[in-house]
Amino acid sequence: EPFVVCMDCGRKQHQICVLHHDNIWPQGFCCDNCLKKKAAKRKDNKFNAKKLPTSKLGIYIETRVNNFLKKKEAGAGEVHIRVV
C-alpha cells in the first residue's frame, strides 16, 4: 500500500486510509493533527458521489440503504449512491 508523507510533520500514512489523491489535492498532504494545530481545514473534495446526478434507481437504493443503517443504529452517517 502506498504511503503519503505529511508536508509539515513528515508522518507517513497509508494513502487509502487518509483518502488522499494527488489529482484532487495537488498541493500535497497535510495530516489531521497538523491541520488541527494550524486550525485549518482541508479543501473540499469536489469529486464525490453526492454531487453526481441522481437517478430513480440510485435514489431508491440510497434510501433503502440509509433506512437500513438507521434501523440497525450503525452510526455510519449517510451513504450516497449513484448509478453510473
Protein backbone atom coordinates (compact mmCIF):
# COMPACT_ATOMS: atom_id res chain seq x y z
CA GLU A 1 0.00 0.00 0.00
CA PRO A 2 1.48 3.39 -0.97
CA PHE A 3 2.17 5.97 1.73
CA VAL A 4 1.76 9.74 1.73
CA VAL A 5 4.01 11.94 3.85
CA CYS A 6 2.68 14.96 5.76
CA MET A 7 4.28 18.15 4.44
CA ASP A 8 4.53 19.59 7.97
CA CYS A 9 5.48 16.82 10.41
CA GLY A 10 6.74 14.14 8.00
CA ARG A 11 4.42 11.45 9.37
CA LYS A 12 3.70 8.62 6.91
CA GLN A 13 0.16 7.31 6.50
CA HIS A 14 -1.48 4.90 4.08
CA GLN A 15 -2.79 6.83 1.10
CA ILE A 16 -6.11 4.95 1.11
CA CYS A 17 -6.61 5.34 4.89
CA VAL A 18 -6.40 9.13 4.69
CA LEU A 19 -8.32 9.25 1.38
CA HIS A 20 -5.63 11.30 -0.34
CA HIS A 21 -5.45 11.53 -4.13
CA ASP A 22 -2.84 13.75 -5.82
CA ASN A 23 -5.23 14.80 -8.62
CA ILE A 24 -7.69 16.19 -6.06
CA TRP A 25 -5.12 17.75 -3.69
CA PRO A 26 -2.07 18.55 -5.88
CA GLN A 27 -0.57 20.86 -3.22
CA GLY A 28 0.34 17.81 -1.14
CA PHE A 29 -0.84 16.05 2.00
CA CYS A 30 -1.21 17.54 5.48
CA CYS A 31 -2.28 15.17 8.28
CA ASP A 32 -5.26 15.79 10.58
CA ASN A 33 -3.01 16.54 13.58
CA CYS A 34 -1.16 19.29 11.72
CA LEU A 35 -4.42 20.72 10.37
CA LYS A 36 -5.77 20.89 13.94
CA LYS A 37 -2.59 22.61 15.17
CA LYS A 38 -2.90 25.21 12.40
CA ALA A 39 -6.68 25.50 12.94
CA ALA A 40 -7.04 24.89 9.21
CA LYS A 41 -9.47 22.81 7.18
CA ARG A 42 -8.78 20.52 4.26
CA LYS A 43 -10.06 21.80 0.94
CA ASP A 44 -13.34 20.13 -0.01
CA ASN A 45 -13.22 17.26 -2.45
CA LYS A 46 -15.40 18.39 -5.35
CA PHE A 47 -15.36 14.86 -6.80
CA ASN A 48 -17.80 12.96 -4.61
CA ALA A 49 -20.93 10.89 -5.19
CA LYS A 50 -23.23 13.44 -3.56
CA LYS A 51 -22.53 15.93 -6.35
CA LEU A 52 -23.18 13.49 -9.21
CA PRO A 53 -26.58 13.45 -10.95
CA THR A 54 -29.22 11.19 -9.40
CA SER A 55 -31.48 8.58 -10.97
CA LYS A 56 -34.66 6.90 -9.75
CA LEU A 57 -32.80 3.64 -9.16
CA GLY A 58 -29.98 5.40 -7.30
CA ILE A 59 -32.42 7.28 -5.06
CA TYR A 60 -34.31 4.06 -4.32
CA ILE A 61 -31.17 2.12 -3.38
CA GLU A 62 -29.75 5.04 -1.38
CA THR A 63 -32.99 5.41 0.60
CA ARG A 64 -33.17 1.68 1.35
CA VAL A 65 -29.52 1.53 2.47
CA ASN A 66 -29.78 4.63 4.67
CA ASN A 67 -33.03 3.41 6.27
CA PHE A 68 -31.45 0.02 6.96
CA LEU A 69 -28.38 1.64 8.55
CA LYS A 70 -30.54 3.91 10.72
CA LYS A 71 -32.68 0.96 11.81
CA LYS A 72 -29.57 -1.05 12.76
CA GLU A 73 -28.09 2.01 14.51
CA ALA A 74 -24.84 1.51 12.63
CA GLY A 75 -23.70 5.08 13.25
CA ALA A 76 -22.32 5.22 9.73
CA GLY A 77 -23.85 8.55 8.74
CA GLU A 78 -25.41 8.88 5.32
CA VAL A 79 -24.46 6.84 2.29
CA HIS A 80 -24.63 8.41 -1.18
CA ILE A 81 -25.25 6.04 -4.07
CA ARG A 82 -25.19 6.93 -7.75
CA VAL A 83 -25.83 4.60 -10.67
CA VAL A 84 -23.38 5.35 -13.45
